[in-house]
Every structure is written in structure tokens, then in C-alpha cells.
Amino acid sequence: MFQQYTYYLIFGIPFIVYLGILVLILFVVTALLALLKRKGMIKASVLWHFRLAYIALFLGFLHGVLGLLAYF
């Protein structure tokens, strides 16, 4: 059942690939936000760092679950 969601093709590429790329981008942006804030290059609330981290962790968990459940 989950295979049809996991491997749903969007422009010829499965949905799980797009989800993985989005998770990777979110993790990089989260780390970059913390680094730039520490160096004083941007003025952003630490709350944004936590929000992005929570979203990235949730989507990463979803990505992993979809990948595992595709074979069960």
C-alpha cells in the first residue's frame, strides 16, 4: 500500500527522492542559520533554528518510515 505513495512519480522521479532532497536542504539551512548567527552575520531568532530542526526531523522520520514501509 505504501509503495504507491513512496514511489509516486513526479516528473519521472519518485516522491521519496524529493522528500530526501528537501530534508537534506532543511538540515543544511538549519546548520547554516546557527553558524551565521554565531558569527553575527544575520539577526535571526534561535526559535527559527529550532523550528527548522523540528521540521527537518519530522520530515526525515517520515522519509525513513516511507522507505521502510514500502517493503512491508
Protein backbone atom coordinates (compact mmCIF):
# COMPACT_ATOMS: atom_id res chain seq x y z
CA MET A 1 0.00 0.00 0.00
CA PHE A 2 2.73 2.48 0.90
CA GLN A 3 4.62 1.71 -2.30
CA GLN A 4 2.13 3.70 -4.33
CA TYR A 5 2.81 6.78 -2.16
CA THR A 6 6.54 6.25 -1.79
CA TYR A 7 7.20 5.65 -5.46
CA TYR A 8 4.63 8.08 -6.85
CA LEU A 9 6.37 9.62 -9.85
CA ILE A 10 6.70 13.39 -10.10
CA PHE A 11 8.43 14.35 -13.36
CA GLY A 12 9.75 10.79 -13.57
CA ILE A 13 11.36 10.77 -10.11
CA PRO A 14 9.83 9.02 -7.08
CA PHE A 15 8.31 11.12 -4.29
CA ILE A 16 10.72 9.72 -1.71
CA VAL A 17 13.66 11.22 -3.60
CA TYR A 18 12.12 14.69 -3.47
CA LEU A 19 11.39 14.23 0.22
CA GLY A 20 15.01 13.21 0.87
CA ILE A 21 16.34 16.23 -1.02
CA LEU A 22 14.01 18.52 0.94
CA VAL A 23 15.20 17.01 4.24
CA LEU A 24 18.84 17.47 3.24
CA ILE A 25 18.23 21.11 2.29
CA LEU A 26 16.43 21.74 5.59
CA PHE A 27 19.31 20.25 7.61
CA VAL A 28 21.85 22.37 5.72
CA VAL A 29 19.78 25.54 6.15
CA THR A 30 19.35 24.80 9.86
CA ALA A 31 23.09 24.35 10.35
CA LEU A 32 23.85 27.41 8.24
CA LEU A 33 21.41 29.50 10.26
CA ALA A 34 23.18 28.57 13.50
CA LEU A 35 26.61 29.20 12.01
CA LEU A 36 25.73 32.60 10.55
CA LYS A 37 24.03 33.67 13.76
CA ARG A 38 27.08 32.70 15.81
CA LYS A 39 29.33 34.75 13.52
CA GLY A 40 26.95 37.70 13.77
CA MET A 41 26.23 37.84 10.06
CA ILE A 42 22.44 37.58 10.44
CA LYS A 43 19.92 38.58 13.05
CA ALA A 44 17.57 35.68 13.45
CA SER A 45 15.87 34.29 16.49
CA VAL A 46 17.09 30.98 17.89
CA LEU A 47 13.45 29.96 17.66
CA TRP A 48 13.81 29.76 13.88
CA HIS A 49 16.71 27.35 14.27
CA PHE A 50 14.57 25.09 16.48
CA ARG A 51 11.58 25.31 14.14
CA LEU A 52 13.64 24.31 11.12
CA ALA A 53 15.25 21.49 13.09
CA TYR A 54 11.88 20.11 14.21
CA ILE A 55 10.50 20.25 10.67
CA ALA A 56 13.64 18.58 9.29
CA LEU A 57 13.50 15.83 11.92
CA PHE A 58 9.81 15.18 11.27
CA LEU A 59 10.28 15.01 7.50
CA GLY A 60 13.39 12.87 7.94
CA PHE A 61 11.41 10.46 10.11
CA LEU A 62 8.63 10.40 7.50
CA HIS A 63 11.20 9.78 4.76
CA GLY A 64 12.64 6.84 6.69
CA VAL A 65 9.25 5.35 7.55
CA LEU A 66 8.06 5.59 3.94
CA GLY A 67 11.27 3.96 2.79
CA LEU A 68 10.90 1.09 5.25
CA LEU A 69 7.18 0.54 4.84
CA ALA A 70 7.50 0.31 1.07
CA TYR A 71 8.89 -3.20 1.58
CA PHE A 72 6.31 -4.46 4.10
